[in-house]
Amino acid sequence: MKLNNRLALVERALANAEGAGQPTGESEPQATGEPKDGPAAADGAAEEKSLKRFTSIVEEFSAMPPDSAWGSQAVRGLKSDLMTMAEKFSFDVQSVQCKDHLCMAEIVSSSPQAATQHVNQVAHARYSVRCDVEAIMKVPSGQTEDISSTVLFTDCK
């Protein structure tokens, strides 16, 4: 699945989660008036599959041992790129970690609306380390500031 398709799925999941006032990754399918096996159900299934894949990659990353040589070089490049974007778009870079050609960054935005924009900007940016990029934001129910987003850099070269 291409990056733009994955990003579109994540963005739809985020929009659904925001509209329902639910945390990202735990959104329930919203009623659309369409049959359960119609186009909306297919989109919901695709979103759920994308979110499960994202969660699986994060869990896999957490279990990996550090990769000192490649990882430290990749962290420097990605952190520099993200800090440049952070200054331009007004978000904070919490962390950047790389292991075995997979990197993960956490960024924090001032509001859910800003986080949506930042996730889109970060996902579509060019980086000094060549990777596929996926991003998702986490909006705990009722939280209106300091919204955390996880950015995955996969298949890095």
C-alpha atoms as a PDB file:
ATOM      1  CA  MET A   1       0.000   0.000   0.000  1.00  0.00           C
ATOM      2  CA  LYS A   2       1.478   3.370  -0.953  1.00  0.00           C
ATOM      3  CA  LEU A   3       2.260   6.070   1.600  1.00  0.00           C
ATOM      4  CA  ASN A   4      -0.544   8.367   0.454  1.00  0.00           C
ATOM      5  CA  ASN A   5      -3.100   5.553   0.795  1.00  0.00           C
ATOM      6  CA  ARG A   6      -1.863   4.686   4.292  1.00  0.00           C
ATOM      7  CA  LEU A   7      -1.852   8.337   5.278  1.00  0.00           C
ATOM      8  CA  ALA A   8      -5.380   8.790   3.956  1.00  0.00           C
ATOM      9  CA  LEU A   9      -6.534   5.827   6.052  1.00  0.00           C
ATOM     10  CA  VAL A  10      -4.861   7.220   9.159  1.00  0.00           C
ATOM     11  CA  GLU A  11      -6.277  10.701   8.517  1.00  0.00           C
ATOM     12  CA  ARG A  12      -9.793   9.256   8.161  1.00  0.00           C
ATOM     13  CA  ALA A  13      -9.353   7.297  11.375  1.00  0.00           C
ATOM     14  CA  LEU A  14      -8.182  10.443  13.118  1.00  0.00           C
ATOM     15  CA  ALA A  15     -11.123  12.443  11.807  1.00  0.00           C
ATOM     16  CA  ASN A  16     -13.529   9.734  12.956  1.00  0.00           C
ATOM     17  CA  ALA A  17     -11.885   9.606  16.380  1.00  0.00           C
ATOM     18  CA  GLU A  18     -12.027  13.405  16.741  1.00  0.00           C
ATOM     19  CA  GLY A  19     -15.646  13.551  15.607  1.00  0.00           C
ATOM     20  CA  ALA A  20     -16.615  10.871  18.080  1.00  0.00           C
ATOM     21  CA  GLY A  21     -14.567  12.442  20.900  1.00  0.00           C
ATOM     22  CA  GLN A  22     -12.626   9.201  21.266  1.00  0.00           C
ATOM     23  CA  PRO A  23      -8.905   8.541  21.559  1.00  0.00           C
ATOM     24  CA  THR A  24      -7.181   7.632  18.326  1.00  0.00           C
ATOM     25  CA  GLY A  25      -6.746   3.920  17.826  1.00  0.00           C
ATOM     26  CA  GLU A  26      -9.864   3.153  19.824  1.00  0.00           C
ATOM     27  CA  SER A  27     -12.469   4.664  17.566  1.00  0.00           C
ATOM     28  CA  GLU A  28     -15.658   2.776  16.915  1.00  0.00           C
ATOM     29  CA  PRO A  29     -17.216   2.710  13.475  1.00  0.00           C
ATOM     30  CA  GLN A  30     -19.645   5.567  13.095  1.00  0.00           C
ATOM     31  CA  ALA A  31     -23.166   5.001  11.828  1.00  0.00           C
ATOM     32  CA  THR A  32     -23.490   6.115   8.204  1.00  0.00           C
ATOM     33  CA  GLY A  33     -26.845   4.670   7.230  1.00  0.00           C
ATOM     34  CA  GLU A  34     -25.133   2.273   4.816  1.00  0.00           C
ATOM     35  CA  PRO A  35     -25.279  -1.509   5.002  1.00  0.00           C
ATOM     36  CA  LYS A  36     -22.546  -3.119   7.104  1.00  0.00           C
ATOM     37  CA  ASP A  37     -20.964  -4.612   3.990  1.00  0.00           C
ATOM     38  CA  GLY A  38     -21.135  -1.354   1.957  1.00  0.00           C
ATOM     39  CA  PRO A  39     -18.319   1.085   1.093  1.00  0.00           C
ATOM     40  CA  ALA A  40     -18.257   2.668   4.569  1.00  0.00           C
ATOM     41  CA  ALA A  41     -17.794  -0.759   6.157  1.00  0.00           C
ATOM     42  CA  ALA A  42     -14.894  -1.461   3.791  1.00  0.00           C
ATOM     43  CA  ASP A  43     -13.305   1.877   4.730  1.00  0.00           C
ATOM     44  CA  GLY A  44     -13.781   1.095   8.417  1.00  0.00           C
ATOM     45  CA  ALA A  45     -12.181  -2.317   7.997  1.00  0.00           C
ATOM     46  CA  ALA A  46      -9.262  -0.785   6.105  1.00  0.00           C
ATOM     47  CA  GLU A  47      -8.826   1.870   8.815  1.00  0.00           C
ATOM     48  CA  GLU A  48      -8.875  -0.770  11.532  1.00  0.00           C
ATOM     49  CA  LYS A  49      -6.339  -2.879   9.640  1.00  0.00           C
ATOM     50  CA  SER A  50      -4.092   0.176   9.165  1.00  0.00           C
ATOM     51  CA  LEU A  51      -4.291   1.071  12.867  1.00  0.00           C
ATOM     52  CA  LYS A  52      -3.502  -2.517  13.880  1.00  0.00           C
ATOM     53  CA  ARG A  53      -0.508  -2.544  11.537  1.00  0.00           C
ATOM     54  CA  PHE A  54       0.703   0.765  12.982  1.00  0.00           C
ATOM     55  CA  THR A  55       0.354  -0.565  16.543  1.00  0.00           C
ATOM     56  CA  SER A  56       2.147  -3.764  15.569  1.00  0.00           C
ATOM     57  CA  ILE A  57       5.102  -1.818  14.160  1.00  0.00           C
ATOM     58  CA  VAL A  58       5.315   0.296  17.338  1.00  0.00           C
ATOM     59  CA  GLU A  59       5.328  -2.882  19.464  1.00  0.00           C
ATOM     60  CA  GLU A  60       7.952  -4.479  17.205  1.00  0.00           C
ATOM     61  CA  PHE A  61      10.092  -1.343  17.472  1.00  0.00           C
ATOM     62  CA  SER A  62       9.868  -1.343  21.268  1.00  0.00           C
ATOM     63  CA  ALA A  63      11.142  -4.923  21.404  1.00  0.00           C
ATOM     64  CA  MET A  64      14.133  -4.320  19.092  1.00  0.00           C
ATOM     65  CA  PRO A  65      17.643  -3.907  20.462  1.00  0.00           C
ATOM     66  CA  PRO A  66      19.366  -0.588  19.681  1.00  0.00           C
ATOM     67  CA  ASP A  67      21.327  -0.313  16.437  1.00  0.00           C
ATOM     68  CA  SER A  68      24.228   1.912  17.441  1.00  0.00           C
ATOM     69  CA  ALA A  69      26.027   2.527  14.132  1.00  0.00           C
ATOM     70  CA  TRP A  70      23.178   3.072  11.682  1.00  0.00           C
ATOM     71  CA  GLY A  71      20.689   4.167  14.333  1.00  0.00           C
ATOM     72  CA  SER A  72      22.700   7.052  15.786  1.00  0.00           C
ATOM     73  CA  GLN A  73      23.405   8.451  12.318  1.00  0.00           C
ATOM     74  CA  ALA A  74      19.739   8.158  11.314  1.00  0.00           C
ATOM     75  CA  VAL A  75      18.597   9.799  14.577  1.00  0.00           C
ATOM     76  CA  ARG A  76      20.857  12.812  13.930  1.00  0.00           C
ATOM     77  CA  GLY A  77      19.470  13.264  10.402  1.00  0.00           C
ATOM     78  CA  LEU A  78      15.798  12.803  11.282  1.00  0.00           C
ATOM     79  CA  LYS A  79      16.032  14.892  14.443  1.00  0.00           C
ATOM     80  CA  SER A  80      17.600  17.739  12.487  1.00  0.00           C
ATOM     81  CA  ASP A  81      14.889  17.511   9.813  1.00  0.00           C
ATOM     82  CA  LEU A  82      12.085  17.388  12.401  1.00  0.00           C
ATOM     83  CA  MET A  83      13.530  20.271  14.441  1.00  0.00           C
ATOM     84  CA  THR A  84      13.622  22.422  11.301  1.00  0.00           C
ATOM     85  CA  MET A  85       9.951  21.609  10.654  1.00  0.00           C
ATOM     86  CA  ALA A  86       9.092  22.142  14.335  1.00  0.00           C
ATOM     87  CA  GLU A  87      10.434  25.693  14.200  1.00  0.00           C
ATOM     88  CA  LYS A  88       8.514  26.407  10.999  1.00  0.00           C
ATOM     89  CA  PHE A  89       5.189  24.808  12.005  1.00  0.00           C
ATOM     90  CA  SER A  90       5.256  25.292  15.816  1.00  0.00           C
ATOM     91  CA  PHE A  91       5.305  21.808  17.296  1.00  0.00           C
ATOM     92  CA  ASP A  92       7.682  20.137  19.758  1.00  0.00           C
ATOM     93  CA  VAL A  93       9.870  17.137  19.022  1.00  0.00           C
ATOM     94  CA  GLN A  94       9.720  14.871  22.099  1.00  0.00           C
ATOM     95  CA  SER A  95      11.969  12.063  20.885  1.00  0.00           C
ATOM     96  CA  VAL A  96      13.558  10.388  17.884  1.00  0.00           C
ATOM     97  CA  GLN A  97      14.800   6.793  18.048  1.00  0.00           C
ATOM     98  CA  CYS A  98      16.090   4.441  15.362  1.00  0.00           C
ATOM     99  CA  LYS A  99      16.616   0.669  15.433  1.00  0.00           C
ATOM    100  CA  ASP A 100      17.287  -1.767  12.603  1.00  0.00           C
ATOM    101  CA  HIS A 101      16.192   0.509   9.729  1.00  0.00           C
ATOM    102  CA  LEU A 102      13.042   1.550  11.569  1.00  0.00           C
ATOM    103  CA  CYS A 103      12.679   4.888  13.351  1.00  0.00           C
ATOM    104  CA  MET A 104      10.029   6.390  15.590  1.00  0.00           C
ATOM    105  CA  ALA A 105       9.507  10.002  16.618  1.00  0.00           C
ATOM    106  CA  GLU A 106       7.052  11.630  19.006  1.00  0.00           C
ATOM    107  CA  ILE A 107       5.875  15.162  18.309  1.00  0.00           C
ATOM    108  CA  VAL A 108       3.545  17.289  20.416  1.00  0.00           C
ATOM    109  CA  SER A 109       1.119  19.900  19.073  1.00  0.00           C
ATOM    110  CA  SER A 110      -0.843  22.574  20.906  1.00  0.00           C
ATOM    111  CA  SER A 111      -4.317  21.381  19.833  1.00  0.00           C
ATOM    112  CA  PRO A 112      -6.070  18.568  17.945  1.00  0.00           C
ATOM    113  CA  GLN A 113      -6.470  20.860  14.931  1.00  0.00           C
ATOM    114  CA  ALA A 114      -2.767  21.754  14.942  1.00  0.00           C
ATOM    115  CA  ALA A 115      -1.866  18.080  15.412  1.00  0.00           C
ATOM    116  CA  THR A 116      -3.884  17.128  12.338  1.00  0.00           C
ATOM    117  CA  GLN A 117      -1.947  19.701  10.290  1.00  0.00           C
ATOM    118  CA  HIS A 118       1.399  18.681  11.781  1.00  0.00           C
ATOM    119  CA  VAL A 119       0.807  14.981  11.129  1.00  0.00           C
ATOM    120  CA  ASN A 120       0.025  15.794   7.502  1.00  0.00           C
ATOM    121  CA  GLN A 121       3.074  18.074   7.142  1.00  0.00           C
ATOM    122  CA  VAL A 122       5.439  15.573   8.765  1.00  0.00           C
ATOM    123  CA  ALA A 123       4.075  12.651   6.750  1.00  0.00           C
ATOM    124  CA  HIS A 124       4.584  14.462   3.438  1.00  0.00           C
ATOM    125  CA  ALA A 125       8.012  15.993   4.142  1.00  0.00           C
ATOM    126  CA  ARG A 126      11.315  14.966   2.593  1.00  0.00           C
ATOM    127  CA  TYR A 127      13.952  13.686   4.992  1.00  0.00           C
ATOM    128  CA  SER A 128      17.709  13.248   4.875  1.00  0.00           C
ATOM    129  CA  VAL A 129      17.148   9.562   5.694  1.00  0.00           C
ATOM    130  CA  ARG A 130      15.153   7.754   3.003  1.00  0.00           C
ATOM    131  CA  CYS A 131      12.166   6.043   4.628  1.00  0.00           C
ATOM    132  CA  ASP A 132       8.460   5.467   4.219  1.00  0.00           C
ATOM    133  CA  VAL A 133       6.583   7.646   6.704  1.00  0.00           C
ATOM    134  CA  GLU A 134       3.394   6.946   8.660  1.00  0.00           C
ATOM    135  CA  ALA A 135       2.008   9.151  11.416  1.00  0.00           C
ATOM    136  CA  ILE A 136      -0.879   8.960  13.842  1.00  0.00           C
ATOM    137  CA  MET A 137      -2.007  11.277  16.610  1.00  0.00           C
ATOM    138  CA  LYS A 138      -3.273  10.277  20.021  1.00  0.00           C
ATOM    139  CA  VAL A 139      -6.107  12.394  21.403  1.00  0.00           C
ATOM    140  CA  PRO A 140      -7.252  11.213  24.828  1.00  0.00           C
ATOM    141  CA  SER A 141     -10.942  11.921  25.371  1.00  0.00           C
ATOM    142  CA  GLY A 142     -11.484  15.519  26.421  1.00  0.00           C
ATOM    143  CA  GLN A 143      -7.856  16.584  25.899  1.00  0.00           C
ATOM    144  CA  THR A 144      -7.590  19.856  23.996  1.00  0.00           C
ATOM    145  CA  GLU A 145      -3.877  20.667  24.251  1.00  0.00           C
ATOM    146  CA  ASP A 146      -0.487  18.960  24.164  1.00  0.00           C
ATOM    147  CA  ILE A 147      -1.583  16.369  21.609  1.00  0.00           C
ATOM    148  CA  SER A 148       1.023  13.668  21.016  1.00  0.00           C
ATOM    149  CA  SER A 149       1.600  12.137  17.588  1.00  0.00           C
ATOM    150  CA  THR A 150       3.723   9.129  16.726  1.00  0.00           C
ATOM    151  CA  VAL A 151       5.651   9.165  13.465  1.00  0.00           C
ATOM    152  CA  LEU A 152       7.004   5.896  12.095  1.00  0.00           C
ATOM    153  CA  PHE A 153       9.820   5.835   9.564  1.00  0.00           C
ATOM    154  CA  THR A 154       9.816   2.360   8.017  1.00  0.00           C
ATOM    155  CA  ASP A 155      12.013   0.622   5.436  1.00  0.00           C
ATOM    156  CA  CYS A 156      14.769   3.168   5.989  1.00  0.00           C
ATOM    157  CA  LYS A 157      17.864   3.005   3.818  1.00  0.00           C
END
